[in-house]
Amino acid sequence: MTHSNAPYRSRIAGLRALSIDARLDAIATSSGLAAEQLTALSMAKALPAQTVDGMIENVIGTFELPLGVAANFVVNGKDYLIPMAVEEPSVVAAASYMAKIVGENGGFQATASDPIMRAQIQLLRVEDPGAAKHALLAAKSEIIALANSKDKTLIDLGGGCRDIEVHIFENTRIGHMVVLHLLVDVRDAMGANTVNTMAEMVAPLAERIAAGEARLRILSNLADLRTVKVHIKVAPNTLATKNVSGDEYVDGIVEACALAEIDPYRAATHNKGIMNGIDPVVIATGNDWRAVEAGAHAWAARKGHYTSLTRWDKDGDGNLEGTIELPMPVGLVGGATKTHPSAGAALELMRITSAAELGMVIAAVGLAQNMAALRALATEGIQKGHMALHARNIAIVAGATGPEIETVAKALVHSGDITTDNAQRLLQTQRAAKSKPET
């Protein structure tokens, strides 16, 4: 894919105030995206019937989500315009606003581990689990060679099975289990098909070595060896608003996170807010958001206590420091990343060059989203900004169209009664006033 030579910019002034067509023009100017990619991201139908009929079973149509673009993101010194497919109000705006503040403080600093995925082979009816574990570990070279024997493309790209692990479990219903893990570098793929194929291939050999019977042969979505980590440092003065000081924001964010660290009831909602940022990017790029969700929540509970995926602290100079770390099994090849035109265009929009880079950008959005939520919770509360945006949805449900939507939404917010009944009353009043003849 070739792009224009114009500078790529993540800052687009007044993007929210533009019409949809004008936004597309602004995105094209800022990203250099080709016309066919812009079309795939626009209101035009990106998925023909023949394509969707080949993607899943019993197809009858498609289901659309709004696709927005988060601006202002700078990760490891590189600008990103980030596509987000999501139906919840305030998500895109909140992420963009926090990214702007973070950008004024040096941007997001991110790292990623190697893309190692796990395949599990469950072995039952093993008479001597200890001996089986020893035998499997002794046969590591043979197991790895077999796992790598059928995927020449992956090997040529520098990937493949790297190592094995063997775990022994005791279950009161079925007795001992010996579980063989294949640790596979899947490069720029998400990796599910790759590791599942390797597990199927290795299972008969594992049965013979362990003198047992293979049952499950499947990947693990707890991708604990394929993680990303993002860090930010924000000066208090860049957080300050007319009514709240930067120091108050810093203290409020740190105190709000402290509850999520110790209380799983709060942590569940805290982490859901993080996934409000992560999932839309995963969906927009054609990746498996269920796998990312499963891995994230399992990671949050990996020490036996469900806790926050982020940590917020105040350093000795009063700056706000935030960190997120979690598994990120996403890819650039395979699945919907290639078959869905909008997913390919989304990756082109970001100019992503590797799965690791994509994972770091996605985690940065999650951290920004969490910062926005905690910032609101720590001061005026989450509902004020959220309901202001939600008022537009209520106006539409009440029957408002065109310019009526904004007028009714503003009236709803001003009234403090953001309900469908009130929206219908306001809409009727507005239309009645317009229908009166001038005197």
Protein backbone atom coordinates (compact mmCIF):
# COMPACT_ATOMS: atom_id res chain seq x y z
CA MET A 1 0.00 0.00 0.00
CA THR A 2 1.36 3.43 -0.93
CA HIS A 3 0.37 6.64 0.80
CA SER A 4 0.72 10.27 -0.19
CA ASN A 5 3.89 12.11 0.80
CA ALA A 6 1.93 14.59 2.92
CA PRO A 7 2.78 14.56 6.66
CA TYR A 8 0.66 12.18 8.75
CA ARG A 9 -1.06 14.08 11.56
CA SER A 10 -3.13 12.78 14.47
CA ARG A 11 -4.31 16.27 15.46
CA ILE A 12 -7.33 17.46 13.45
CA ALA A 13 -8.82 20.68 14.78
CA GLY A 14 -12.59 20.74 15.10
CA LEU A 15 -13.09 17.19 13.83
CA ARG A 16 -16.19 16.66 15.94
CA ALA A 17 -17.91 19.77 14.52
CA LEU A 18 -17.50 18.71 10.88
CA SER A 19 -20.09 16.91 8.76
CA ILE A 20 -19.44 13.24 8.00
CA ASP A 21 -18.22 14.02 4.47
CA ALA A 22 -15.98 16.78 5.78
CA ARG A 23 -14.56 14.43 8.41
CA LEU A 24 -13.68 11.93 5.69
CA ASP A 25 -11.94 14.67 3.76
CA ALA A 26 -10.02 15.72 6.86
CA ILE A 27 -9.01 12.11 7.59
CA ALA A 28 -7.86 11.72 3.98
CA THR A 29 -5.77 14.89 4.21
CA SER A 30 -4.23 13.93 7.56
CA SER A 31 -3.56 10.26 6.76
CA GLY A 32 -2.96 10.14 3.01
CA LEU A 33 -5.36 7.20 2.81
CA ALA A 34 -6.26 6.06 -0.72
CA ALA A 35 -9.76 6.52 -2.11
CA GLU A 36 -10.69 2.83 -1.93
CA GLN A 37 -9.74 2.66 1.77
CA LEU A 38 -11.76 5.77 2.50
CA THR A 39 -14.74 4.20 0.78
CA ALA A 40 -14.35 1.06 2.91
CA LEU A 41 -14.45 3.21 6.05
CA SER A 42 -17.35 5.39 4.92
CA MET A 43 -21.11 4.91 4.84
CA ALA A 44 -20.74 2.88 1.63
CA LYS A 45 -21.44 -0.84 2.02
CA ALA A 46 -18.07 -2.52 2.52
CA LEU A 47 -19.31 -6.11 2.67
CA PRO A 48 -20.99 -7.62 -0.39
CA ALA A 49 -23.32 -10.57 0.13
CA GLN A 50 -20.84 -13.05 -1.37
CA THR A 51 -18.16 -12.02 1.13
CA VAL A 52 -20.32 -12.26 4.25
CA ASP A 53 -21.82 -15.56 3.11
CA GLY A 54 -18.32 -17.01 3.19
CA MET A 55 -17.43 -15.60 6.61
CA ILE A 56 -20.05 -17.29 8.83
CA GLU A 57 -22.96 -19.69 8.52
CA ASN A 58 -26.64 -19.00 7.79
CA VAL A 59 -26.00 -15.42 6.69
CA ILE A 60 -29.05 -13.19 6.24
CA GLY A 61 -27.40 -9.76 6.28
CA THR A 62 -24.99 -7.56 8.17
CA PHE A 63 -25.18 -5.67 11.46
CA GLU A 64 -23.59 -2.22 11.52
CA LEU A 65 -21.92 -0.25 14.29
CA PRO A 66 -20.88 3.40 14.19
CA LEU A 67 -17.24 3.77 13.12
CA GLY A 68 -15.45 6.77 14.56
CA VAL A 69 -11.85 7.97 14.56
CA ALA A 70 -9.97 8.84 17.74
CA ALA A 71 -7.48 11.63 17.15
CA ASN A 72 -4.43 13.04 18.96
CA PHE A 73 -2.69 9.73 19.74
CA VAL A 74 1.11 9.69 19.82
CA VAL A 75 2.60 6.31 20.77
CA ASN A 76 6.39 5.91 20.92
CA GLY A 77 6.71 9.20 19.07
CA LYS A 78 4.46 8.18 16.17
CA ASP A 79 1.11 9.80 15.34
CA TYR A 80 -2.00 7.65 14.98
CA LEU A 81 -5.56 8.22 13.84
CA ILE A 82 -7.38 5.29 15.41
CA PRO A 83 -10.62 3.73 14.08
CA MET A 84 -13.12 2.64 16.74
CA ALA A 85 -16.31 0.63 16.07
CA VAL A 86 -18.60 1.24 19.04
CA GLU A 87 -22.19 2.17 19.86
CA GLU A 88 -21.63 3.77 23.29
CA PRO A 89 -21.57 7.59 23.43
CA SER A 90 -18.54 9.44 24.82
CA VAL A 91 -15.98 6.70 24.15
CA VAL A 92 -14.31 8.20 21.07
CA ALA A 93 -14.44 11.76 22.40
CA ALA A 94 -13.05 10.79 25.80
CA ALA A 95 -10.15 8.81 24.34
CA SER A 96 -9.29 11.64 21.94
CA TYR A 97 -9.36 14.28 24.67
CA MET A 98 -7.15 12.28 27.02
CA ALA A 99 -4.76 11.53 24.15
CA LYS A 100 -4.45 15.26 23.54
CA ILE A 101 -3.46 15.83 27.19
CA VAL A 102 -1.03 12.90 27.12
CA GLY A 103 0.44 14.23 23.86
CA GLU A 104 1.25 17.51 25.61
CA ASN A 105 3.24 15.41 28.11
CA GLY A 106 5.35 13.40 25.67
CA GLY A 107 2.80 10.85 24.52
CA PHE A 108 2.36 7.17 25.33
CA GLN A 109 5.47 5.02 25.85
CA ALA A 110 4.85 1.38 25.00
CA THR A 111 6.63 -1.98 24.82
CA ALA A 112 5.56 -5.41 23.61
CA SER A 113 6.83 -8.92 24.26
CA ASP A 114 7.36 -11.51 21.53
CA PRO A 115 4.08 -12.84 20.05
CA ILE A 116 4.08 -16.15 21.92
CA MET A 117 0.81 -18.10 22.04
CA ARG A 118 0.11 -21.32 23.93
CA ALA A 119 -1.41 -24.54 22.67
CA GLN A 120 -2.60 -27.04 25.29
CA ILE A 121 -2.77 -30.82 24.92
CA GLN A 122 -4.67 -32.51 27.74
CA LEU A 123 -3.48 -36.05 28.50
CA LEU A 124 -5.67 -38.36 30.62
CA ARG A 125 -5.31 -41.85 32.08
CA VAL A 126 -1.59 -41.40 32.60
CA GLU A 127 -0.43 -44.03 35.09
CA ASP A 128 2.68 -42.14 36.24
CA PRO A 129 2.26 -38.37 35.76
CA GLY A 130 5.74 -37.58 37.08
CA ALA A 131 7.40 -39.98 34.68
CA ALA A 132 5.23 -38.70 31.82
CA LYS A 133 6.27 -35.11 32.53
CA HIS A 134 9.94 -36.12 32.56
CA ALA A 135 9.55 -38.06 29.30
CA LEU A 136 7.78 -35.19 27.54
CA LEU A 137 10.42 -32.68 28.59
CA ALA A 138 13.16 -35.07 27.48
CA ALA A 139 11.50 -35.28 24.06
CA LYS A 140 11.30 -31.49 23.65
CA SER A 141 13.39 -31.37 20.46
CA GLU A 142 11.29 -34.07 18.80
CA ILE A 143 8.02 -32.38 19.81
CA ILE A 144 9.15 -28.95 18.57
CA ALA A 145 10.40 -30.39 15.28
CA LEU A 146 7.07 -32.11 14.66
CA ALA A 147 5.10 -28.98 15.54
CA ASN A 148 7.17 -26.94 13.08
CA SER A 149 7.15 -29.51 10.28
CA LYS A 150 4.05 -28.34 8.42
CA ASP A 151 4.17 -24.52 8.52
CA LYS A 152 7.11 -23.51 6.32
CA THR A 153 5.74 -20.00 5.86
CA LEU A 154 5.73 -19.29 9.59
CA ILE A 155 9.24 -20.71 9.98
CA ASP A 156 10.52 -18.60 7.07
CA LEU A 157 9.06 -15.51 8.77
CA GLY A 158 11.04 -16.28 11.93
CA GLY A 159 8.22 -17.84 13.92
CA GLY A 160 7.36 -21.35 15.04
CA CYS A 161 7.24 -23.47 18.18
CA ARG A 162 9.93 -22.22 20.54
CA ASP A 163 9.54 -24.28 23.71
CA ILE A 164 7.27 -26.57 25.69
CA GLU A 165 5.94 -26.74 29.24
CA VAL A 166 4.36 -29.65 31.11
CA HIS A 167 1.86 -29.20 33.94
CA ILE A 168 0.28 -31.81 36.24
CA PHE A 169 -3.20 -31.27 37.71
CA GLU A 170 -5.34 -33.31 40.09
CA ASN A 171 -9.12 -33.42 39.68
CA THR A 172 -11.45 -35.19 42.11
CA ARG A 173 -13.70 -36.47 39.30
CA ILE A 174 -11.22 -37.66 36.69
CA GLY A 175 -7.92 -38.00 38.56
CA HIS A 176 -4.56 -36.82 37.25
CA MET A 177 -4.14 -34.73 34.12
CA VAL A 178 -0.87 -34.07 32.35
CA VAL A 179 -1.08 -30.98 30.14
CA LEU A 180 1.53 -30.25 27.50
CA HIS A 181 1.93 -26.61 26.39
CA LEU A 182 3.44 -25.67 23.05
CA LEU A 183 4.85 -22.13 23.13
CA VAL A 184 4.59 -20.77 19.61
CA ASP A 185 5.86 -17.53 18.09
CA VAL A 186 3.04 -16.67 15.67
CA ARG A 187 4.61 -13.46 14.30
CA ASP A 188 1.94 -11.10 12.87
CA ALA A 189 -0.97 -13.55 13.17
CA MET A 190 -3.41 -13.76 16.05
CA GLY A 191 -2.33 -17.40 16.03
CA ALA A 192 -5.40 -19.48 16.88
CA ASN A 193 -5.37 -21.59 13.72
CA THR A 194 -1.60 -22.01 13.86
CA VAL A 195 -1.38 -23.28 17.43
CA ASN A 196 -4.51 -25.42 17.12
CA THR A 197 -3.03 -27.14 14.07
CA MET A 198 0.23 -27.76 15.90
CA ALA A 199 -1.61 -29.21 18.90
CA GLU A 200 -3.54 -31.62 16.67
CA MET A 201 -0.31 -32.71 15.01
CA VAL A 202 1.62 -33.24 18.24
CA ALA A 203 -1.19 -34.98 20.19
CA PRO A 204 -0.52 -38.57 18.92
CA LEU A 205 3.19 -38.23 19.72
CA ALA A 206 2.39 -36.84 23.18
CA GLU A 207 0.06 -39.79 23.80
CA ARG A 208 2.83 -42.28 23.03
CA ILE A 209 5.47 -40.50 25.11
CA ALA A 210 3.21 -39.99 28.13
CA ALA A 211 1.43 -43.35 27.79
CA GLY A 212 -1.93 -41.59 28.06
CA GLU A 213 -4.92 -40.47 26.02
CA ALA A 214 -5.11 -37.02 24.45
CA ARG A 215 -8.37 -35.10 24.84
CA LEU A 216 -8.35 -31.31 24.39
CA ARG A 217 -5.97 -29.91 21.78
CA ILE A 218 -6.51 -26.15 21.65
CA LEU A 219 -4.99 -22.74 22.23
CA SER A 220 -5.22 -20.83 25.49
CA ASN A 221 -6.68 -17.33 25.37
CA LEU A 222 -4.65 -16.42 28.45
CA ALA A 223 -1.79 -15.12 26.29
CA ASP A 224 0.41 -14.35 29.28
CA LEU A 225 3.58 -14.50 27.19
CA ARG A 226 2.21 -12.06 24.60
CA THR A 227 1.74 -8.86 26.54
CA VAL A 228 1.94 -5.13 25.96
CA LYS A 229 2.73 -2.41 28.46
CA VAL A 230 2.00 1.32 28.13
CA HIS A 231 3.11 4.11 30.46
CA ILE A 232 2.33 7.82 30.67
CA LYS A 233 3.39 10.70 32.88
CA VAL A 234 1.15 13.77 33.03
CA ALA A 235 1.91 17.10 34.72
CA PRO A 236 -0.93 18.30 36.96
CA ASN A 237 -1.24 21.70 35.27
CA THR A 238 -2.19 20.00 31.98
CA LEU A 239 -5.13 18.33 33.72
CA ALA A 240 -6.50 21.48 35.33
CA THR A 241 -9.84 22.96 34.31
CA LYS A 242 -11.67 26.14 35.24
CA ASN A 243 -13.30 24.53 38.27
CA VAL A 244 -10.86 21.76 39.29
CA SER A 245 -7.12 22.02 39.91
CA GLY A 246 -4.66 19.59 38.39
CA ASP A 247 -3.61 18.36 41.83
CA GLU A 248 -7.23 17.50 42.63
CA TYR A 249 -7.49 15.47 39.44
CA VAL A 250 -4.26 13.61 40.19
CA ASP A 251 -5.37 12.72 43.71
CA GLY A 252 -8.85 11.75 42.58
CA ILE A 253 -7.58 9.40 39.83
CA VAL A 254 -5.10 7.72 42.18
CA GLU A 255 -7.73 7.28 44.89
CA ALA A 256 -10.30 5.89 42.44
CA CYS A 257 -7.82 3.33 41.11
CA ALA A 258 -6.91 2.23 44.63
CA LEU A 259 -10.45 0.91 45.12
CA ALA A 260 -10.25 -1.10 41.87
CA GLU A 261 -6.97 -2.65 43.00
CA ILE A 262 -8.49 -4.17 46.14
CA ASP A 263 -12.22 -4.60 45.37
CA PRO A 264 -13.31 -6.95 42.55
CA TYR A 265 -16.76 -5.31 42.43
CA ARG A 266 -15.13 -2.02 41.48
CA ALA A 267 -12.42 -3.73 39.39
CA ALA A 268 -15.02 -5.32 37.11
CA THR A 269 -16.46 -1.91 36.19
CA HIS A 270 -13.03 -0.28 36.13
CA ASN A 271 -11.77 -2.87 33.63
CA LYS A 272 -14.97 -2.71 31.60
CA GLY A 273 -14.19 0.97 31.10
CA ILE A 274 -10.73 0.05 29.85
CA MET A 275 -12.26 -2.42 27.40
CA ASN A 276 -14.58 0.38 26.21
CA GLY A 277 -11.46 1.74 24.54
CA ILE A 278 -9.79 -1.53 23.58
CA ASP A 279 -12.68 -3.49 22.08
CA PRO A 280 -13.71 -0.87 19.48
CA VAL A 281 -10.21 -0.85 17.96
CA VAL A 282 -10.02 -4.65 18.03
CA ILE A 283 -13.39 -4.85 16.26
CA ALA A 284 -12.53 -2.14 13.72
CA THR A 285 -9.36 -4.00 12.71
CA GLY A 286 -11.14 -7.33 12.28
CA ASN A 287 -9.56 -9.00 15.29
CA ASP A 288 -11.15 -11.33 17.87
CA TRP A 289 -12.44 -9.09 20.65
CA ARG A 290 -13.72 -12.11 22.61
CA ALA A 291 -10.18 -13.51 22.79
CA VAL A 292 -8.80 -10.16 23.92
CA GLU A 293 -11.54 -9.80 26.55
CA ALA A 294 -11.00 -13.33 27.87
CA GLY A 295 -7.25 -12.87 28.11
CA ALA A 296 -7.54 -9.47 29.79
CA HIS A 297 -9.88 -10.62 32.54
CA ALA A 298 -7.95 -13.84 33.15
CA TRP A 299 -4.78 -11.74 33.42
CA ALA A 300 -6.49 -9.47 35.94
CA ALA A 301 -7.17 -12.53 38.12
CA ARG A 302 -3.89 -14.37 37.53
CA LYS A 303 -2.69 -13.89 41.13
CA GLY A 304 -5.88 -15.32 42.62
CA HIS A 305 -7.59 -11.95 43.15
CA TYR A 306 -9.41 -10.04 40.41
CA THR A 307 -7.89 -6.57 40.23
CA SER A 308 -7.31 -3.51 38.07
CA LEU A 309 -5.60 -3.77 34.68
CA THR A 310 -4.14 -0.30 35.25
CA ARG A 311 -2.22 1.38 38.02
CA TRP A 312 -2.22 5.11 38.72
CA ASP A 313 0.28 6.81 41.04
CA LYS A 314 1.54 10.28 41.95
CA ASP A 315 5.29 10.67 41.70
CA GLY A 316 7.49 12.78 43.96
CA ASP A 317 6.94 15.86 41.81
CA GLY A 318 3.16 15.53 41.88
CA ASN A 319 2.88 14.17 38.32
CA LEU A 320 0.26 11.57 37.46
CA GLU A 321 1.74 8.27 36.28
CA GLY A 322 -0.40 5.60 34.64
CA THR A 323 0.46 2.11 33.45
CA ILE A 324 -1.49 -0.64 31.74
CA GLU A 325 -0.23 -4.16 31.08
CA LEU A 326 -2.25 -7.00 29.60
CA PRO A 327 -2.19 -9.79 27.00
CA MET A 328 -2.85 -8.58 23.46
CA PRO A 329 -3.39 -11.46 20.99
CA VAL A 330 -4.11 -9.46 17.84
CA GLY A 331 -2.89 -9.93 14.30
CA LEU A 332 -2.54 -8.37 10.88
CA VAL A 333 -3.00 -11.54 8.85
CA GLY A 334 -5.73 -14.15 8.74
CA GLY A 335 -9.42 -14.08 9.56
CA ALA A 336 -11.45 -10.91 9.12
CA THR A 337 -8.31 -8.76 9.05
CA LYS A 338 -8.01 -9.79 5.41
CA THR A 339 -11.56 -10.67 4.33
CA HIS A 340 -13.25 -7.54 5.72
CA PRO A 341 -12.44 -4.48 3.55
CA SER A 342 -13.06 -2.05 6.41
CA ALA A 343 -10.65 -3.94 8.67
CA GLY A 344 -7.91 -3.67 6.09
CA ALA A 345 -8.65 0.02 5.60
CA ALA A 346 -8.56 0.56 9.38
CA LEU A 347 -5.05 -0.88 9.55
CA GLU A 348 -4.00 1.26 6.62
CA LEU A 349 -5.42 4.33 8.34
CA MET A 350 -3.14 3.71 11.31
CA ARG A 351 -0.18 2.70 9.10
CA ILE A 352 0.38 -0.33 11.30
CA THR A 353 3.40 -2.46 10.35
CA SER A 354 3.30 -5.31 12.89
CA ALA A 355 0.95 -7.07 15.29
CA ALA A 356 3.09 -5.88 18.19
CA GLU A 357 2.65 -2.26 17.10
CA LEU A 358 -1.11 -2.75 16.82
CA GLY A 359 -1.22 -4.24 20.31
CA MET A 360 0.64 -1.29 21.80
CA VAL A 361 -1.66 1.23 20.12
CA ILE A 362 -4.76 -0.64 21.31
CA ALA A 363 -3.47 -0.71 24.89
CA ALA A 364 -2.76 3.03 24.70
CA VAL A 365 -6.41 3.61 23.82
CA GLY A 366 -7.43 1.48 26.82
CA LEU A 367 -5.23 3.53 29.13
CA ALA A 368 -6.61 6.79 27.73
CA GLN A 369 -10.16 5.57 28.19
CA ASN A 370 -9.47 4.59 31.78
CA MET A 371 -7.90 7.97 32.48
CA ALA A 372 -10.98 9.71 31.10
CA ALA A 373 -13.36 7.63 33.20
CA LEU A 374 -11.42 8.06 36.43
CA ARG A 375 -11.00 11.78 35.80
CA ALA A 376 -14.77 12.14 35.52
CA LEU A 377 -15.54 9.84 38.45
CA ALA A 378 -13.08 11.65 40.67
CA THR A 379 -14.78 15.02 40.16
CA GLU A 380 -18.23 15.73 38.70
CA GLY A 381 -19.13 12.06 38.20
CA ILE A 382 -19.36 9.96 35.07
CA GLN A 383 -22.96 10.80 34.18
CA LYS A 384 -22.59 14.48 33.40
CA GLY A 385 -20.56 14.14 30.23
CA HIS A 386 -21.92 10.73 29.31
CA MET A 387 -25.57 11.77 29.55
CA ALA A 388 -24.92 14.91 27.52
CA LEU A 389 -23.86 12.68 24.64
CA HIS A 390 -26.55 10.12 25.43
CA ALA A 391 -29.15 12.88 25.00
CA ARG A 392 -28.61 12.75 21.23
CA ASN A 393 -29.62 9.08 21.22
CA ILE A 394 -32.72 9.85 23.31
CA ALA A 395 -33.67 12.64 20.90
CA ILE A 396 -33.44 10.23 17.96
CA VAL A 397 -35.52 7.60 19.78
CA ALA A 398 -38.16 10.29 20.40
CA GLY A 399 -38.39 10.91 16.65
CA ALA A 400 -36.15 13.95 16.15
CA THR A 401 -34.48 14.25 12.75
CA GLY A 402 -31.90 16.54 11.19
CA PRO A 403 -31.29 19.79 13.09
CA GLU A 404 -34.00 18.81 15.60
CA ILE A 405 -31.64 16.26 17.16
CA GLU A 406 -29.15 18.80 18.44
CA THR A 407 -31.83 21.23 19.58
CA VAL A 408 -33.76 18.59 21.53
CA ALA A 409 -30.55 17.12 22.97
CA LYS A 410 -29.46 20.51 24.30
CA ALA A 411 -32.90 21.09 25.80
CA LEU A 412 -32.80 17.68 27.47
CA VAL A 413 -29.44 18.40 29.09
CA HIS A 414 -30.59 21.85 30.22
CA SER A 415 -33.72 20.36 31.78
CA GLY A 416 -31.81 17.67 33.64
CA ASP A 417 -34.49 15.14 32.61
CA ILE A 418 -32.88 13.02 29.90
CA THR A 419 -35.77 10.66 29.20
CA THR A 420 -37.69 9.66 26.11
CA ASP A 421 -40.94 11.08 27.48
CA ASN A 422 -39.33 14.47 28.04
CA ALA A 423 -37.68 14.35 24.62
CA GLN A 424 -41.06 13.72 22.98
CA ARG A 425 -42.59 16.68 24.85
CA LEU A 426 -39.72 18.95 23.86
CA LEU A 427 -39.90 17.79 20.26
CA GLN A 428 -43.64 18.42 20.09
CA THR A 429 -43.17 21.89 21.58
CA GLN A 430 -40.41 22.67 19.09
CA ARG A 431 -42.46 21.51 16.11
CA ALA A 432 -45.56 23.35 17.33
CA ALA A 433 -43.56 26.56 17.61
CA LYS A 434 -42.24 26.16 14.08
CA SER A 435 -45.70 25.47 12.67
CA LYS A 436 -47.24 28.68 14.07
CA PRO A 437 -47.75 31.31 11.39
CA GLU A 438 -45.76 34.50 11.80
CA THR A 439 -47.73 37.53 12.97
